[in-house]
C-alpha atoms as a PDB file:
ATOM      1  CA  MET A   1      17.475 -30.849  -3.404  1.00  0.00           C
ATOM      2  CA  GLY A   2      20.296 -32.439  -1.496  1.00  0.00           C
ATOM      3  CA  ASP A   3      18.977 -32.358   2.087  1.00  0.00           C
ATOM      4  CA  ALA A   4      16.330 -34.906   2.974  1.00  0.00           C
ATOM      5  CA  GLY A   5      13.103 -33.217   3.982  1.00  0.00           C
ATOM      6  CA  MET A   6      14.337 -29.706   3.083  1.00  0.00           C
ATOM      7  CA  ARG A   7      12.087 -27.976   0.578  1.00  0.00           C
ATOM      8  CA  VAL A   8      13.276 -24.966  -1.359  1.00  0.00           C
ATOM      9  CA  LYS A   9      10.771 -22.137  -0.840  1.00  0.00           C
ATOM     10  CA  SER A  10      12.891 -19.170  -1.932  1.00  0.00           C
ATOM     11  CA  LEU A  11      16.377 -18.298  -3.113  1.00  0.00           C
ATOM     12  CA  ARG A  12      17.496 -18.062   0.522  1.00  0.00           C
ATOM     13  CA  ASP A  13      16.793 -21.775   0.942  1.00  0.00           C
ATOM     14  CA  ILE A  14      19.057 -22.828  -1.923  1.00  0.00           C
ATOM     15  CA  ARG A  15      22.429 -23.955  -0.666  1.00  0.00           C
ATOM     16  CA  THR A  16      25.436 -22.639  -2.518  1.00  0.00           C
ATOM     17  CA  LEU A  17      28.368 -24.797  -3.494  1.00  0.00           C
ATOM     18  CA  ARG A  18      30.303 -23.375  -0.540  1.00  0.00           C
ATOM     19  CA  GLY A  19      27.392 -24.173   1.781  1.00  0.00           C
ATOM     20  CA  GLN A  20      27.223 -27.713   0.457  1.00  0.00           C
ATOM     21  CA  VAL A  21      30.955 -28.222   0.931  1.00  0.00           C
ATOM     22  CA  HIS A  22      30.840 -26.802   4.463  1.00  0.00           C
ATOM     23  CA  GLY A  23      27.812 -28.915   5.226  1.00  0.00           C
ATOM     24  CA  ILE A  24      29.892 -32.086   4.738  1.00  0.00           C
ATOM     25  CA  GLY A  25      32.161 -31.282   7.677  1.00  0.00           C
ATOM     26  CA  ALA A  26      35.804 -30.330   8.022  1.00  0.00           C
ATOM     27  CA  LYS A  27      38.427 -32.983   7.448  1.00  0.00           C
ATOM     28  CA  THR A  28      41.483 -31.063   8.591  1.00  0.00           C
ATOM     29  CA  ARG A  29      42.169 -28.436  11.256  1.00  0.00           C
ATOM     30  CA  ALA A  30      42.642 -25.749   8.581  1.00  0.00           C
ATOM     31  CA  GLN A  31      39.267 -26.593   7.087  1.00  0.00           C
ATOM     32  CA  ALA A  32      37.684 -26.468  10.564  1.00  0.00           C
ATOM     33  CA  VAL A  33      39.182 -23.005  11.174  1.00  0.00           C
ATOM     34  CA  ALA A  34      37.924 -21.819   7.773  1.00  0.00           C
ATOM     35  CA  GLU A  35      34.462 -23.223   8.484  1.00  0.00           C
ATOM     36  CA  LEU A  36      34.414 -21.527  11.910  1.00  0.00           C
ATOM     37  CA  ALA A  37      35.327 -18.183  10.322  1.00  0.00           C
ATOM     38  CA  TYR A  38      32.634 -18.646   7.682  1.00  0.00           C
ATOM     39  CA  LEU A  39      30.014 -19.552  10.286  1.00  0.00           C
ATOM     40  CA  GLU A  40      30.915 -16.549  12.469  1.00  0.00           C
ATOM     41  CA  HIS A  41      30.588 -14.287   9.429  1.00  0.00           C
ATOM     42  CA  GLU A  42      27.231 -15.856   8.541  1.00  0.00           C
ATOM     43  CA  LYS A  43      26.030 -15.455  12.144  1.00  0.00           C
ATOM     44  CA  ALA A  44      26.976 -11.755  12.138  1.00  0.00           C
ATOM     45  CA  ARG A  45      25.188 -11.261   8.804  1.00  0.00           C
ATOM     46  CA  LEU A  46      22.031 -12.943  10.083  1.00  0.00           C
ATOM     47  CA  GLU A  47      22.082 -10.865  13.278  1.00  0.00           C
ATOM     48  CA  ARG A  48      22.366  -7.649  11.220  1.00  0.00           C
ATOM     49  CA  GLU A  49      19.507  -8.785   8.995  1.00  0.00           C
ATOM     50  CA  SER A  50      17.405  -9.618  12.060  1.00  0.00           C
ATOM     51  CA  LYS A  51      17.970  -6.128  13.517  1.00  0.00           C
ATOM     52  CA  ILE A  52      16.945  -4.560  10.195  1.00  0.00           C
ATOM     53  CA  TRP A  53      13.775  -6.677  10.087  1.00  0.00           C
ATOM     54  CA  ILE A  54      12.873  -5.699  13.655  1.00  0.00           C
ATOM     55  CA  ALA A  55      13.457  -1.995  12.879  1.00  0.00           C
ATOM     56  CA  ASN A  56      11.332  -2.277   9.740  1.00  0.00           C
ATOM     57  CA  GLN A  57       8.592  -4.059  11.683  1.00  0.00           C
ATOM     58  CA  THR A  58       8.577  -1.305  14.327  1.00  0.00           C
ATOM     59  CA  GLN A  59       8.374   1.374  11.633  1.00  0.00           C
ATOM     60  CA  MET A  60       5.602  -0.525   9.850  1.00  0.00           C
ATOM     61  CA  GLU A  61       3.586  -0.830  13.082  1.00  0.00           C
ATOM     62  CA  SER A  62       3.928   2.919  13.645  1.00  0.00           C
ATOM     63  CA  ARG A  63       2.722   3.688  10.118  1.00  0.00           C
ATOM     64  CA  LEU A  64      -0.135   1.209  10.478  1.00  0.00           C
ATOM     65  CA  GLN A  65      -1.287   2.889  13.713  1.00  0.00           C
ATOM     66  CA  SER A  66      -1.162   6.273  11.968  1.00  0.00           C
ATOM     67  CA  VAL A  67      -3.294   4.957   9.095  1.00  0.00           C
ATOM     68  CA  ARG A  68      -5.786   3.400  11.517  1.00  0.00           C
ATOM     69  CA  ARG A  69      -6.051   6.710  13.395  1.00  0.00           C
ATOM     70  CA  ARG A  70      -6.650   8.596  10.142  1.00  0.00           C
ATOM     71  CA  ILE A  71      -9.289   6.044   9.058  1.00  0.00           C
ATOM     72  CA  GLY A  72     -11.075   6.673  12.370  1.00  0.00           C
ATOM     73  CA  GLN A  73     -10.944  10.440  11.838  1.00  0.00           C
ATOM     74  CA  VAL A  74     -12.281  10.228   8.280  1.00  0.00           C
ATOM     75  CA  GLN A  75     -14.974   7.756   9.336  1.00  0.00           C
ATOM     76  CA  ALA A  76     -16.055  10.097  12.145  1.00  0.00           C
ATOM     77  CA  MET A  77     -16.175  12.997   9.688  1.00  0.00           C
ATOM     78  CA  LEU A  78     -18.318  10.947   7.304  1.00  0.00           C
ATOM     79  CA  ASP A  79     -20.649   9.954  10.134  1.00  0.00           C
ATOM     80  CA  GLU A  80     -21.169  13.635  11.063  1.00  0.00           C
ATOM     81  CA  THR A  81     -21.961  14.884   7.542  1.00  0.00           C
ATOM     82  CA  PRO A  82     -25.317  14.131   5.918  1.00  0.00           C
ATOM     83  CA  ALA A  83     -25.410  11.369   3.352  1.00  0.00           C
ATOM     84  CA  ASP A  84     -27.652  13.450   1.022  1.00  0.00           C
ATOM     85  CA  PRO A  85     -25.440  15.798  -1.045  1.00  0.00           C
ATOM     86  CA  GLY A  86     -28.442  18.108  -1.614  1.00  0.00           C
ATOM     87  CA  ALA A  87     -28.895  18.635   2.122  1.00  0.00           C
ATOM     88  CA  ALA A  88     -25.538  20.380   2.402  1.00  0.00           C
ATOM     89  CA  ARG A  89     -26.523  22.814  -0.365  1.00  0.00           C
ATOM     90  CA  ASN A  90     -29.791  23.686   1.358  1.00  0.00           C
ATOM     91  CA  ARG A  91     -28.043  24.557   4.629  1.00  0.00           C
ATOM     92  CA  ARG A  92     -25.986  27.361   3.025  1.00  0.00           C
ATOM     93  CA  PRO A  93     -26.412  30.701   4.822  1.00  0.00           C
ATOM     94  CA  LYS A  94     -28.596  33.154   2.961  1.00  0.00           C
ATOM     95  CA  THR A  95     -27.972  36.829   2.392  1.00  0.00           C
ATOM     96  CA  GLY A  96     -30.619  39.508   2.860  1.00  0.00           C
ATOM     97  CA  GLY A  97     -33.631  39.368   0.556  1.00  0.00           C
ATOM     98  CA  GLY A  98     -34.011  35.585   0.720  1.00  0.00           C
ATOM     99  CA  GLN A  99     -31.582  34.951  -2.171  1.00  0.00           C
ATOM    100  CA  PRO A 100     -28.922  32.285  -1.634  1.00  0.00           C
ATOM    101  CA  ARG A 101     -25.416  33.681  -1.592  1.00  0.00           C
ATOM    102  CA  ALA A 102     -23.345  32.822  -4.674  1.00  0.00           C
ATOM    103  CA  SER A 103     -20.398  30.575  -3.906  1.00  0.00           C
ATOM    104  CA  CYS A 104     -16.961  31.071  -5.369  1.00  0.00           C
ATOM    105  CA  CYS A 105     -17.624  28.404  -7.987  1.00  0.00           C
ATOM    106  CA  GLU A 106     -20.907  29.845  -9.287  1.00  0.00           C
ATOM    107  CA  VAL A 107     -20.822  32.256 -12.193  1.00  0.00           C
ATOM    108  CA  PRO A 108     -23.927  34.328 -13.034  1.00  0.00           C
ATOM    109  CA  LEU A 109     -24.991  33.806 -16.611  1.00  0.00           C
ATOM    110  CA  GLU A 110     -27.409  36.072 -18.481  1.00  0.00           C
ATOM    111  CA  TYR A 111     -29.096  35.134 -21.744  1.00  0.00           C
END
């Protein structure tokens, strides 16, 4: 593992050969300048990644609120309707003569 106390949890935690070399420390001025450039590049990359994560988190929170709102609406609708499926059929408006009106899904069948 290389670093004492550092556990590898994902691929992001694995140090590359370049990271291991830069972790040793620069020996010359040229190496120090190269390490500084590398670290500035890495810092910029991490800042971009952080902004993307924050944007994704904001979008996820918005979607989660929308889903919670919809759950509330559906739950309210379920609370208003009767639990007995037969009760809804019995409340259908009737036409004249006391016969229940045929719905669009019913087909009269004569034997």
